[in-house]
Amino acid sequence: MRYWLVLLLAVVCFNLHANSQTAEELVNKNIEAKGGMDKIKAIKTWRMTGQLIVSGITATQGQENMRPNFVRETISLQGMTAVQAYDGSTGWQIQPFGGRKDPELMGEDDMRDLLIDSDFDGPLVDYKAKGNTVEYLGHDIVDGDDALRLKVTLKNGDIIYYYLDPDTYLEIRKETQEFIRGSVRENASDLGSYKAVGGVMYPFSIASGPKNDPTSWQTVTVEKIEVNVPLDASDFALPASLKKGASKSQ
């Protein structure tokens, strides 16, 4: 009886302590857990290479980011490479697996995930300056383990839920809600195997896909992350064949 009383008191005290935390405090703890604001801001470019597995097929995945908000993502398989990129104002892509080998502009709806990826430091860093709002929603359970849940409402109205490990304050799950033409697109990602690169913690294992269909998820095993590598804005720039079309659309 005494054991159960002690356990109950411990759980109550833990919950009271956790509930007393504010969203701002948790954001600050997350930033410190990643390495601190100084080390995060010291990184100007970022490159990732890894193996993507989806439906039993293995491909090579890459991503490059450069401040302030440039991103280029690639998937290579059987001698072909798909590209999605954002140059700070316009998104474009090459999708050879669909038979389209020429660059094409991306529509606003198709760019939602890419715009999130273009945020160099992520939506939590400098969230107020970016027009984001953050709420602490209390405790939740992720794969049987306790987690702290943050709700981030982006400037465009989309929502990201971050689940933080209560011991490390690093993200262990991310869920997104994108509001597109009256419908909601929901995706989720499980993050793990964190390692430090350039003094900043990054996940080296990422499983992601539609929130309500885990059977169709894809897994990325990161092989290498490099920071402050030489990159140029031209690496992300709109191809010459699309510049005329982009000017007309704008």
Protein backbone atom coordinates (compact mmCIF):
# COMPACT_ATOMS: atom_id res chain seq x y z
CA MET A 1 0.00 0.00 0.00
CA ARG A 2 2.81 2.35 0.93
CA TYR A 3 4.56 1.64 -2.40
CA TRP A 4 1.51 2.60 -4.43
CA LEU A 5 1.02 5.77 -2.38
CA VAL A 6 4.61 6.84 -3.01
CA LEU A 7 4.25 6.08 -6.72
CA LEU A 8 1.00 8.05 -6.94
CA LEU A 9 2.58 11.05 -5.20
CA ALA A 10 5.55 10.93 -7.57
CA VAL A 11 3.28 10.90 -10.61
CA VAL A 12 1.19 13.79 -9.24
CA CYS A 13 4.30 15.86 -8.46
CA PHE A 14 5.72 15.16 -11.90
CA ASN A 15 2.50 16.23 -13.60
CA LEU A 16 2.25 19.39 -11.50
CA HIS A 17 5.80 20.31 -12.40
CA ALA A 18 5.27 19.59 -16.10
CA ASN A 19 1.97 21.46 -16.24
CA SER A 20 3.60 24.49 -14.63
CA GLN A 21 5.88 24.80 -17.64
CA THR A 22 4.97 27.30 -20.32
CA ALA A 23 5.24 27.02 -24.08
CA GLU A 24 8.03 29.61 -24.05
CA GLU A 25 10.02 27.62 -21.50
CA LEU A 26 9.67 24.41 -23.50
CA VAL A 27 10.73 26.12 -26.72
CA ASN A 28 13.82 27.48 -24.94
CA LYS A 29 14.63 24.03 -23.51
CA ASN A 30 14.28 22.49 -26.97
CA ILE A 31 16.67 25.06 -28.44
CA GLU A 32 19.19 24.47 -25.66
CA ALA A 33 18.88 20.70 -26.11
CA LYS A 34 19.76 21.08 -29.78
CA GLY A 35 22.93 22.97 -28.91
CA GLY A 36 21.84 26.49 -28.08
CA MET A 37 20.94 29.50 -30.18
CA ASP A 38 24.53 30.56 -30.87
CA LYS A 39 25.52 27.21 -32.38
CA ILE A 40 22.26 26.96 -34.32
CA LYS A 41 22.75 30.41 -35.83
CA ALA A 42 26.40 29.70 -36.62
CA ILE A 43 25.31 27.14 -39.21
CA LYS A 44 24.78 28.82 -42.60
CA THR A 45 24.43 25.80 -44.90
CA TRP A 46 23.36 22.21 -44.36
CA ARG A 47 23.60 19.05 -46.46
CA MET A 48 22.11 15.61 -45.78
CA THR A 49 22.50 12.33 -47.66
CA GLY A 50 20.76 9.10 -46.74
CA GLN A 51 18.89 5.99 -47.81
CA LEU A 52 15.14 6.17 -48.42
CA ILE A 53 13.05 3.01 -48.18
CA VAL A 54 9.44 3.07 -49.34
CA SER A 55 7.31 0.06 -50.33
CA GLY A 56 10.39 -2.15 -50.25
CA ILE A 57 12.30 0.06 -52.72
CA THR A 58 15.57 1.70 -51.69
CA ALA A 59 16.63 5.06 -53.13
CA THR A 60 19.18 7.74 -52.31
CA GLN A 61 17.79 10.91 -50.75
CA GLY A 62 19.52 14.23 -50.40
CA GLN A 63 18.69 17.67 -49.06
CA GLU A 64 20.54 20.97 -49.04
CA ASN A 65 19.53 24.13 -47.19
CA MET A 66 21.04 27.59 -47.18
CA ARG A 67 20.06 30.68 -45.25
CA PRO A 68 17.76 32.42 -45.28
CA ASN A 69 15.21 29.98 -46.76
CA PHE A 70 16.62 28.06 -49.72
CA VAL A 71 16.05 24.30 -50.00
CA ARG A 72 16.74 21.61 -52.60
CA GLU A 73 15.59 18.00 -52.13
CA THR A 74 16.48 15.04 -54.36
CA ILE A 75 15.58 11.37 -54.72
CA SER A 76 17.77 9.23 -56.98
CA LEU A 77 16.89 5.77 -58.29
CA GLN A 78 17.92 3.74 -61.34
CA GLY A 79 19.90 6.58 -62.87
CA MET A 80 17.13 9.16 -62.52
CA THR A 81 16.90 12.01 -60.01
CA ALA A 82 13.75 13.80 -58.91
CA VAL A 83 14.22 17.37 -57.67
CA GLN A 84 12.11 19.78 -55.65
CA ALA A 85 13.58 23.19 -54.84
CA TYR A 86 12.64 26.58 -53.45
CA ASP A 87 14.69 29.69 -54.17
CA GLY A 88 13.13 31.92 -51.53
CA SER A 89 10.19 32.97 -53.68
CA THR A 90 9.32 30.24 -56.19
CA GLY A 91 9.14 26.45 -56.03
CA TRP A 92 10.08 24.20 -58.94
CA GLN A 93 10.56 20.51 -59.58
CA ILE A 94 11.72 17.78 -61.96
CA GLN A 95 9.77 14.52 -61.75
CA PRO A 96 11.35 11.98 -64.15
CA PHE A 97 9.63 9.04 -62.45
CA GLY A 98 6.34 10.42 -63.73
CA GLY A 99 7.74 10.82 -67.21
CA ARG A 100 8.35 14.57 -66.85
CA LYS A 101 12.05 15.25 -67.36
CA ASP A 102 11.78 19.02 -67.85
CA PRO A 103 11.66 21.49 -64.94
CA GLU A 104 8.19 22.72 -64.01
CA LEU A 105 6.77 25.21 -61.55
CA MET A 106 5.18 23.92 -58.36
CA GLY A 107 1.70 25.02 -57.34
CA GLU A 108 1.09 26.65 -53.98
CA ASP A 109 -0.63 23.56 -52.55
CA ASP A 110 2.17 21.22 -53.62
CA MET A 111 4.76 23.46 -51.96
CA ARG A 112 3.40 23.24 -48.39
CA ASP A 113 5.86 20.58 -47.17
CA LEU A 114 8.73 22.20 -49.07
CA LEU A 115 8.10 25.56 -47.42
CA ILE A 116 8.26 23.94 -43.99
CA ASP A 117 11.57 22.33 -44.98
CA SER A 118 12.88 25.69 -46.22
CA ASP A 119 12.72 27.13 -42.69
CA PHE A 120 16.43 26.75 -41.94
CA ASP A 121 16.13 26.61 -38.14
CA GLY A 122 12.63 25.15 -37.96
CA PRO A 123 9.37 26.82 -36.86
CA LEU A 124 10.27 26.94 -33.15
CA VAL A 125 13.37 29.12 -33.48
CA ASP A 126 12.41 32.82 -33.59
CA TYR A 127 8.81 31.70 -33.88
CA LYS A 128 7.33 35.08 -32.91
CA ALA A 129 9.35 36.95 -35.54
CA LYS A 130 8.16 34.42 -38.14
CA GLY A 131 4.51 35.04 -37.25
CA ASN A 132 4.07 31.61 -35.65
CA THR A 133 2.26 30.98 -32.37
CA VAL A 134 3.08 28.20 -29.90
CA GLU A 135 0.83 26.56 -27.29
CA TYR A 136 1.69 23.91 -24.70
CA LEU A 137 -1.00 21.22 -24.72
CA GLY A 138 0.31 19.13 -21.82
CA HIS A 139 1.27 15.46 -21.79
CA ASP A 140 0.64 12.82 -24.42
CA ILE A 141 1.81 9.29 -25.20
CA VAL A 142 4.10 8.36 -28.11
CA ASP A 143 4.66 4.62 -28.59
CA GLY A 144 3.93 4.03 -24.91
CA ASP A 145 6.25 6.75 -23.65
CA ASP A 146 5.42 10.10 -22.10
CA ALA A 147 5.83 13.20 -24.28
CA LEU A 148 5.27 16.95 -24.02
CA ARG A 149 3.02 18.28 -26.77
CA LEU A 150 3.46 21.67 -28.42
CA LYS A 151 1.08 23.13 -30.99
CA VAL A 152 2.66 25.49 -33.52
CA THR A 153 0.33 27.49 -35.75
CA LEU A 154 2.25 28.78 -38.73
CA LYS A 155 1.71 32.19 -40.27
CA ASN A 156 -0.21 30.61 -43.17
CA GLY A 157 -2.60 28.81 -40.79
CA ASP A 158 -1.11 25.32 -41.08
CA ILE A 159 -0.44 23.50 -37.80
CA ILE A 160 2.51 21.43 -36.57
CA TYR A 161 2.34 19.38 -33.38
CA TYR A 162 5.71 18.67 -31.80
CA TYR A 163 6.11 15.89 -29.22
CA LEU A 164 9.16 16.44 -27.02
CA ASP A 165 10.96 13.83 -24.95
CA PRO A 166 10.48 15.03 -21.32
CA ASP A 167 14.07 14.05 -20.48
CA THR A 168 15.97 15.46 -23.46
CA TYR A 169 13.42 18.01 -24.78
CA LEU A 170 14.22 16.89 -28.34
CA GLU A 171 11.43 16.15 -30.83
CA ILE A 172 10.44 12.49 -31.05
CA ARG A 173 7.36 13.01 -33.23
CA LYS A 174 6.02 15.69 -35.53
CA GLU A 175 2.49 15.87 -36.94
CA THR A 176 1.40 18.37 -39.58
CA GLN A 177 -2.03 19.60 -40.60
CA GLU A 178 -2.13 21.45 -43.90
CA PHE A 179 -5.38 23.15 -44.86
CA ILE A 180 -5.80 22.93 -48.62
CA ARG A 181 -8.91 24.10 -50.44
CA GLY A 182 -11.29 23.17 -47.65
CA SER A 183 -9.64 19.83 -46.85
CA VAL A 184 -6.99 18.80 -44.33
CA ARG A 185 -3.85 16.86 -45.23
CA GLU A 186 -2.29 15.18 -42.19
CA ASN A 187 1.19 13.70 -42.06
CA ALA A 188 3.39 12.46 -39.23
CA SER A 189 7.07 11.79 -38.64
CA ASP A 190 8.87 9.80 -35.95
CA LEU A 191 12.36 11.14 -35.20
CA GLY A 192 15.24 9.40 -33.46
CA SER A 193 18.94 8.46 -33.32
CA TYR A 194 20.03 12.03 -32.65
CA LYS A 195 23.68 12.92 -33.21
CA ALA A 196 25.61 16.17 -32.91
CA VAL A 197 27.00 17.79 -36.06
CA GLY A 198 28.67 21.18 -35.73
CA GLY A 199 27.49 21.27 -32.13
CA VAL A 200 23.82 20.90 -33.10
CA MET A 201 21.66 17.80 -32.61
CA TYR A 202 20.00 16.26 -35.69
CA PRO A 203 17.84 13.12 -36.06
CA PHE A 204 19.50 10.38 -38.12
CA SER A 205 16.38 8.20 -38.30
CA ILE A 206 13.12 9.53 -39.74
CA ALA A 207 9.95 7.57 -40.51
CA SER A 208 7.14 9.55 -42.09
CA GLY A 209 3.93 9.39 -44.08
CA PRO A 210 0.16 9.87 -43.87
CA LYS A 211 -0.87 10.03 -40.23
CA ASN A 212 -3.75 7.58 -40.66
CA ASP A 213 -1.87 5.06 -42.83
CA PRO A 214 1.40 3.93 -41.18
CA THR A 215 1.63 1.01 -43.64
CA SER A 216 2.56 3.45 -46.41
CA TRP A 217 5.25 5.30 -44.44
CA GLN A 218 8.75 5.79 -45.76
CA THR A 219 11.95 5.50 -43.73
CA VAL A 220 15.06 7.63 -44.12
CA THR A 221 18.32 6.49 -42.58
CA VAL A 222 20.68 9.45 -42.62
CA GLU A 223 24.21 8.49 -43.61
CA LYS A 224 25.88 11.87 -43.44
CA ILE A 225 25.12 15.44 -42.40
CA GLU A 226 27.52 18.27 -43.27
CA VAL A 227 27.25 21.86 -42.12
CA ASN A 228 28.75 25.08 -43.46
CA VAL A 229 29.62 23.41 -46.76
CA PRO A 230 30.10 25.60 -49.86
CA LEU A 231 26.72 26.22 -51.50
CA ASP A 232 25.54 28.96 -53.82
CA ALA A 233 22.15 30.53 -54.46
CA SER A 234 22.40 29.27 -58.04
CA ASP A 235 22.08 25.71 -56.68
CA PHE A 236 18.49 26.52 -55.78
CA ALA A 237 17.65 29.04 -58.49
CA LEU A 238 14.77 28.67 -60.88
CA PRO A 239 15.99 27.07 -64.15
CA ALA A 240 16.25 29.48 -67.08
CA SER A 241 13.49 27.63 -68.94
CA LEU A 242 11.02 28.50 -66.16
CA LYS A 243 11.92 32.11 -65.45
CA LYS A 244 9.67 33.51 -68.15
CA GLY A 245 6.73 31.43 -66.95
CA ALA A 246 7.32 32.44 -63.33
CA SER A 247 7.29 36.12 -64.26
CA LYS A 248 3.97 35.71 -66.03
CA SER A 249 2.39 33.84 -63.11
CA GLN A 250 3.51 36.52 -60.67
